[in-house]
Protein backbone atom coordinates (compact mmCIF):
# COMPACT_ATOMS: atom_id res chain seq x y z
CA MET A 1 27.77 12.01 7.22
CA LYS A 2 27.78 14.67 9.90
CA TYR A 3 29.42 13.15 12.94
CA MET A 4 27.72 13.99 16.25
CA SER A 5 28.93 13.41 19.80
CA PHE A 6 25.79 11.29 20.24
CA TYR A 7 27.49 8.56 18.23
CA SER A 8 30.39 8.34 20.65
CA ASP A 9 28.57 9.18 23.89
CA VAL A 10 25.57 6.87 23.37
CA LEU A 11 26.38 4.39 20.61
CA ARG A 12 30.09 4.10 21.44
CA CYS A 13 31.07 4.69 17.82
CA LYS A 14 34.44 6.40 17.44
CA ASP A 15 34.11 7.34 13.75
CA ASN A 16 31.84 7.21 10.71
CA GLU A 17 32.92 3.66 9.94
CA ASP A 18 31.65 2.55 13.34
CA VAL A 19 28.39 4.42 12.85
CA PHE A 20 27.72 2.68 9.54
CA THR A 21 28.60 -0.66 11.12
CA PHE A 22 26.06 0.08 13.87
CA LEU A 23 23.48 1.06 11.26
CA ILE A 24 23.81 -2.26 9.42
CA ALA A 25 24.24 -4.45 12.51
CA ASN A 26 21.08 -3.14 14.17
CA LEU A 27 18.57 -3.35 11.32
CA LYS A 28 15.16 -4.56 12.43
CA PRO A 29 13.78 -7.87 11.11
CA SER A 30 10.26 -6.51 10.57
CA ASN A 31 7.97 -3.51 10.84
CA MET A 32 4.88 -5.71 10.65
CA LEU A 33 2.02 -4.39 12.80
CA TRP A 34 -1.31 -6.11 13.44
CA SER A 35 -2.83 -3.79 10.83
CA TYR A 36 -0.64 -5.46 8.17
CA PHE A 37 -2.77 -8.57 7.79
CA VAL A 38 -6.36 -7.80 6.77
CA ASN A 39 -8.30 -4.57 6.73
CA TRP A 40 -11.57 -6.11 7.86
CA ASP A 41 -13.49 -2.83 7.73
CA LYS A 42 -12.67 -2.56 4.03
CA VAL A 43 -13.47 -6.23 3.41
CA LEU A 44 -16.88 -6.01 5.07
CA ARG A 45 -17.64 -2.66 3.45
CA ASN A 46 -16.94 -4.02 -0.03
CA THR A 47 -19.00 -7.15 0.69
CA GLN A 48 -21.91 -5.13 2.03
CA HIS A 49 -22.29 -3.39 -1.33
CA VAL A 50 -23.39 -6.68 -2.93
CA GLU A 51 -24.64 -8.60 0.10
CA LEU A 52 -28.34 -8.33 -0.74
CA ALA A 53 -27.78 -9.55 -4.30
CA LEU A 54 -25.58 -12.40 -3.06
CA ASN A 55 -28.25 -13.58 -0.64
CA ASN A 56 -30.68 -13.75 -3.56
CA LEU A 57 -28.15 -15.63 -5.68
CA ASN A 58 -27.68 -18.14 -2.85
CA TYR A 59 -30.99 -19.57 -4.10
CA LEU A 60 -29.04 -21.13 -7.00
CA ILE A 61 -26.75 -23.26 -4.83
CA GLY A 62 -27.37 -26.96 -5.50
CA LYS A 63 -30.12 -26.39 -8.06
CA ASP A 64 -30.33 -29.17 -10.66
CA ASP A 65 -32.11 -26.93 -13.18
CA PHE A 66 -29.57 -24.16 -12.70
CA ASP A 67 -30.00 -22.42 -16.04
CA ASN A 68 -33.75 -21.97 -15.79
CA GLU A 69 -33.52 -20.96 -12.14
CA LEU A 70 -31.01 -18.24 -13.03
CA ARG A 71 -33.19 -17.07 -15.89
CA PHE A 72 -36.09 -16.81 -13.42
CA LEU A 73 -34.03 -14.79 -10.94
CA LEU A 74 -32.74 -12.35 -13.54
CA ILE A 75 -36.19 -11.82 -15.07
CA GLU A 76 -37.59 -11.09 -11.61
CA ASN A 77 -34.66 -8.88 -10.60
CA PRO A 78 -32.36 -7.80 -13.46
CA LYS A 79 -30.09 -5.85 -11.11
CA LEU A 80 -28.78 -9.15 -9.71
CA ALA A 81 -26.66 -9.43 -12.85
CA LYS A 82 -24.49 -6.53 -11.64
CA ALA A 83 -23.20 -8.66 -8.77
CA LEU A 84 -22.05 -11.56 -10.95
CA PRO A 85 -18.64 -10.18 -12.04
CA ALA A 86 -17.63 -9.56 -8.41
CA LEU A 87 -17.68 -13.32 -7.85
CA VAL A 88 -14.96 -14.03 -10.39
CA VAL A 89 -13.19 -10.77 -11.28
CA ARG A 90 -10.77 -10.01 -8.46
CA ASP A 91 -8.21 -7.50 -9.69
CA GLY A 92 -9.52 -4.60 -7.64
CA SER A 93 -10.92 -2.79 -10.67
CA ASN A 94 -14.61 -3.55 -9.99
CA LYS A 95 -15.10 -3.88 -13.75
CA LYS A 96 -18.51 -4.85 -15.10
CA LYS A 97 -17.79 -4.61 -18.82
CA PHE A 98 -15.51 -7.08 -20.60
CA LYS A 99 -14.24 -7.81 -24.09
CA ILE A 100 -13.43 -11.51 -23.82
CA LEU A 101 -11.35 -13.46 -26.33
CA VAL A 102 -13.59 -16.47 -26.92
CA ASP A 103 -11.70 -18.13 -29.80
CA TYR A 104 -8.19 -17.97 -31.22
CA HIS A 105 -7.67 -21.47 -32.63
CA ASN A 106 -8.35 -20.75 -36.31
CA LYS A 107 -5.73 -18.01 -36.72
CA LYS A 108 -8.41 -15.43 -36.04
CA LEU A 109 -9.11 -13.76 -32.75
CA VAL A 110 -12.82 -13.65 -31.91
CA TYR A 111 -14.05 -11.36 -29.13
CA GLU A 112 -17.41 -11.00 -27.41
CA ASP A 113 -18.65 -8.10 -25.30
CA TYR A 114 -20.16 -8.74 -21.87
CA ASP A 115 -21.95 -5.90 -20.13
CA PHE A 116 -23.23 -6.30 -16.57
CA THR A 117 -24.15 -2.66 -16.03
CA LYS A 118 -27.60 -2.68 -17.64
CA ASP A 119 -30.71 -1.81 -15.65
CA LYS A 120 -32.88 -3.47 -18.30
CA ILE A 121 -31.72 -6.77 -19.76
CA THR A 122 -32.95 -8.83 -22.69
CA ASP A 123 -33.26 -12.58 -23.09
CA ALA A 124 -30.07 -12.42 -25.16
CA ASP A 125 -28.28 -10.72 -22.26
CA ILE A 126 -29.41 -13.46 -19.89
CA GLU A 127 -28.08 -16.15 -22.19
CA LYS A 128 -24.73 -14.38 -22.33
CA TYR A 129 -24.68 -14.16 -18.54
CA LEU A 130 -25.30 -17.90 -18.40
CA THR A 131 -22.35 -18.46 -20.70
CA PHE A 132 -20.20 -16.21 -18.53
CA ILE A 133 -21.09 -18.11 -15.34
CA LYS A 134 -20.51 -21.47 -17.00
CA GLU A 135 -17.21 -20.65 -18.72
CA THR A 136 -15.69 -18.99 -15.63
CA GLY A 137 -16.43 -22.14 -13.62
CA LEU A 138 -18.85 -20.46 -11.24
CA LYS A 139 -21.81 -22.62 -12.31
CA ASP A 140 -19.98 -25.82 -11.36
CA MET A 141 -19.02 -24.35 -7.99
CA LEU A 142 -22.66 -23.54 -7.21
CA VAL A 143 -24.40 -26.59 -8.63
CA ASN A 144 -22.03 -28.96 -6.84
CA ARG A 145 -22.19 -26.96 -3.59
CA LYS A 146 -18.48 -26.27 -3.60
CA ILE A 147 -19.53 -22.82 -2.44
CA LYS A 148 -21.87 -23.03 0.53
CA ASN A 149 -22.76 -19.37 0.90
CA LEU A 150 -21.95 -16.55 -1.50
CA VAL A 151 -21.67 -13.89 1.21
CA ASP A 152 -19.10 -15.95 3.12
CA TYR A 153 -17.34 -16.69 -0.16
CA MET A 154 -17.18 -12.98 -0.99
CA ILE A 155 -15.72 -12.13 2.43
CA GLY A 156 -12.96 -14.66 1.73
CA VAL A 157 -12.37 -13.27 -1.74
CA GLU A 158 -12.19 -9.70 -0.43
CA ALA A 159 -9.80 -10.76 2.32
CA GLY A 160 -7.54 -12.32 -0.30
CA LEU A 161 -7.77 -9.29 -2.56
CA ASP A 162 -6.89 -7.08 0.40
CA SER A 163 -3.42 -8.62 0.34
CA ASN A 164 -2.69 -6.22 -2.52
CA GLY A 165 -2.88 -3.41 0.03
CA ARG A 166 -0.28 -4.91 2.33
CA LYS A 167 2.62 -3.25 0.54
CA ASN A 168 1.10 0.16 1.18
CA ARG A 169 0.30 -0.78 4.76
CA GLY A 170 3.92 -1.79 5.24
CA GLY A 171 5.05 1.64 4.07
CA HIS A 172 2.54 3.38 6.30
CA ALA A 173 3.64 1.21 9.22
CA MET A 174 7.15 2.68 9.05
CA GLU A 175 5.65 6.17 8.95
CA ASP A 176 3.52 5.36 12.00
CA ILE A 177 6.46 3.92 13.95
CA VAL A 178 8.66 6.92 13.22
CA GLY A 179 5.68 9.17 13.86
CA ALA A 180 5.43 7.91 17.43
CA PHE A 181 8.98 9.13 18.08
CA ILE A 182 8.35 12.45 16.31
CA MET A 183 5.10 13.17 18.12
CA ASP A 184 6.72 12.43 21.47
CA LEU A 185 9.67 14.69 20.60
CA CYS A 186 7.46 17.56 19.43
CA SER A 187 5.22 17.28 22.47
CA LYS A 188 8.16 17.44 24.89
CA LYS A 189 9.99 20.25 23.09
CA ASN A 190 6.93 22.18 21.89
CA LEU A 191 7.82 21.80 18.22
CA ARG A 192 5.45 21.98 15.28
CA TYR A 193 5.26 19.18 12.75
CA LEU A 194 3.30 18.14 9.68
CA LYS A 195 2.75 14.70 8.21
CA GLU A 196 2.65 13.90 4.48
CA SER A 197 3.06 17.46 3.31
CA ASN A 198 4.03 18.92 -0.04
CA ALA A 199 5.81 22.21 -0.66
CA ALA A 200 2.55 24.16 -0.91
CA LYS A 201 1.28 22.95 2.46
CA ILE A 202 4.65 23.61 4.12
CA LYS A 203 4.60 27.16 2.76
CA LYS A 204 1.05 27.71 3.98
CA GLU A 205 1.53 26.26 7.46
CA PHE A 206 5.16 27.13 8.26
CA GLY A 207 6.13 29.79 5.72
CA TYR A 208 9.17 27.99 4.30
CA ASP A 209 9.81 27.84 0.56
CA VAL A 210 10.93 24.25 0.11
CA PRO A 211 12.35 23.29 -3.30
CA VAL A 212 11.09 20.10 -4.92
CA ASP A 213 12.75 17.60 -7.21
CA LYS A 214 9.40 16.45 -8.58
CA SER A 215 5.94 18.00 -8.47
CA SER A 216 4.34 15.02 -6.72
CA ARG A 217 6.82 15.00 -3.82
CA ARG A 218 5.19 14.65 -0.40
CA TYR A 219 7.47 14.51 2.60
CA ASP A 220 6.61 12.01 5.34
CA TYR A 221 7.24 14.53 8.12
CA VAL A 222 8.46 18.11 8.47
CA ILE A 223 9.43 19.58 11.84
CA ASP A 224 9.78 23.28 12.60
CA ASN A 225 11.80 24.27 15.66
CA GLY A 226 11.14 27.96 15.12
CA LYS A 227 14.51 28.60 13.49
CA GLU A 228 14.82 26.02 10.75
CA LEU A 229 12.95 23.21 9.04
CA PHE A 230 13.78 19.52 9.32
CA ILE A 231 12.48 17.27 6.54
CA VAL A 232 12.07 13.56 7.30
CA GLU A 233 11.61 10.68 4.89
CA THR A 234 11.06 7.10 6.04
CA ASN A 235 11.01 3.62 4.51
CA PHE A 236 11.54 -0.01 5.44
CA TYR A 237 12.93 -2.77 3.23
CA GLY A 238 12.54 -6.33 4.43
CA GLY A 239 13.98 -7.70 1.18
CA GLY A 240 16.46 -6.66 -1.47
CA GLY A 241 16.00 -5.49 -5.04
CA SER A 242 16.71 -2.59 -7.36
CA LYS A 243 14.30 -0.33 -5.47
CA LEU A 244 16.79 0.05 -2.61
CA LYS A 245 19.52 1.32 -4.91
CA SER A 246 17.20 3.80 -6.60
CA THR A 247 15.89 5.04 -3.24
CA ALA A 248 19.40 5.64 -1.95
CA GLY A 249 20.24 7.58 -5.11
CA GLU A 250 17.01 9.55 -4.90
CA TYR A 251 17.70 10.70 -1.35
CA ARG A 252 21.29 11.57 -2.18
CA ASN A 253 19.95 13.85 -4.91
CA LEU A 254 17.34 15.26 -2.55
CA PHE A 255 20.11 16.28 -0.15
CA ASP A 256 21.56 18.37 -3.00
CA VAL A 257 18.16 19.88 -3.77
CA PHE A 258 17.94 21.30 -0.24
CA ASP A 259 21.46 22.71 -0.64
CA GLY A 260 21.99 23.09 3.10
CA LYS A 261 18.97 25.37 3.53
CA PHE A 262 16.96 22.65 5.25
CA LYS A 263 18.07 19.70 7.34
CA PHE A 264 17.20 16.41 5.66
CA ILE A 265 16.79 13.27 7.79
CA TRP A 266 16.41 9.88 6.17
CA ILE A 267 15.17 7.17 8.54
CA THR A 268 15.39 3.73 6.98
CA ASP A 269 15.52 0.17 8.22
CA GLY A 270 15.01 -3.48 7.26
CA LEU A 271 17.26 -6.44 6.58
CA GLY A 272 17.12 -5.77 2.86
CA TRP A 273 19.95 -3.27 3.30
CA ARG A 274 22.36 -6.00 4.37
CA ASN A 275 22.56 -7.13 0.75
CA THR A 276 22.53 -3.60 -0.67
CA LYS A 277 25.14 -1.87 1.46
CA ARG A 278 27.05 -0.04 -1.24
CA PRO A 279 24.36 2.45 -2.39
CA LEU A 280 23.34 2.99 1.24
CA ARG A 281 26.95 3.67 2.19
CA GLU A 282 27.36 6.13 -0.69
CA THR A 283 24.37 8.15 0.50
CA PHE A 284 25.46 7.76 4.13
CA ASP A 285 28.85 9.30 3.31
CA TYR A 286 27.32 12.04 1.17
CA SER A 287 24.42 13.34 3.27
CA ASP A 288 24.22 14.48 6.90
CA TYR A 289 21.65 12.34 8.66
CA ILE A 290 20.74 8.71 8.05
CA PHE A 291 19.21 6.95 11.05
CA ASN A 292 17.66 3.55 11.71
CA LEU A 293 15.04 2.63 14.31
CA ALA A 294 17.66 1.50 16.82
CA MET A 295 19.12 5.01 16.75
CA LEU A 296 15.67 6.43 17.41
CA GLU A 297 15.26 4.03 20.31
CA ASN A 298 18.54 5.34 21.71
CA GLY A 299 17.27 8.93 21.58
CA ILE A 300 19.02 10.42 18.57
CA LEU A 301 16.12 12.72 17.69
CA GLY A 302 16.08 14.25 21.16
CA TYR A 303 19.81 14.86 20.87
CA LEU A 304 19.47 16.42 17.41
CA PHE A 305 16.79 18.85 18.65
CA GLN A 306 18.35 19.69 22.01
């Protein structure tokens, strides 16, 4: 690590050992923003796509003669069938065609195709749709009024499915937090910066030829002070796991890729590092700049760009 007077003057760290101790001791417990929980715009947008069909299908709730009522609805409006998979298939794929294993007990696997994409449907299609609704348990939920309103039900389903996006939102939250410090710095010092930029965009906007270790590499931030380029990567790890070790190794290698031609800053945080100190320490000792959020709060970026 490149020792700077900032560490002694501001953080009261006399050597690299003290700096690493500060890094670990001041990890943040969370980077959870309000945006982490549910993206309601996305939930309502996805629900709106099928809302009209769901309101029509609400007619089936509590019907004793469910099968004939569904047949009637689908004959009158075949497009309603396209909304049926959304009620039970929640893997984010929006699939409407399925090859379902319907029997495997006699040492032979039997599959049936279900297609909900058709604009024109036959009586045979309707019977298969009835089977689908029954076997997935949806018929029981509707007949016995366990679902009161399909639109409200879909909003709940979409909100639950949106949890799959929380991991990405957590990553973006760290970028946003660090971005607040970078934007403030660049505004005060009249520096140029880019967010989420690959080598081609950096070349186009700033004129630097940045080497890459993989073709898909996009840097979280790059800052140009008019003389040299600073490349910033960010992440936050609330828990442990093998990913932390691989990330530390990746950024150690990236430091070599830049070969001193560009300044590389890795800003990382999260209590997960407390149980994965060794790979972090190896990269800390090897590269020049590893900061956490507490260091940013203490003004390390302003010092680095003074």
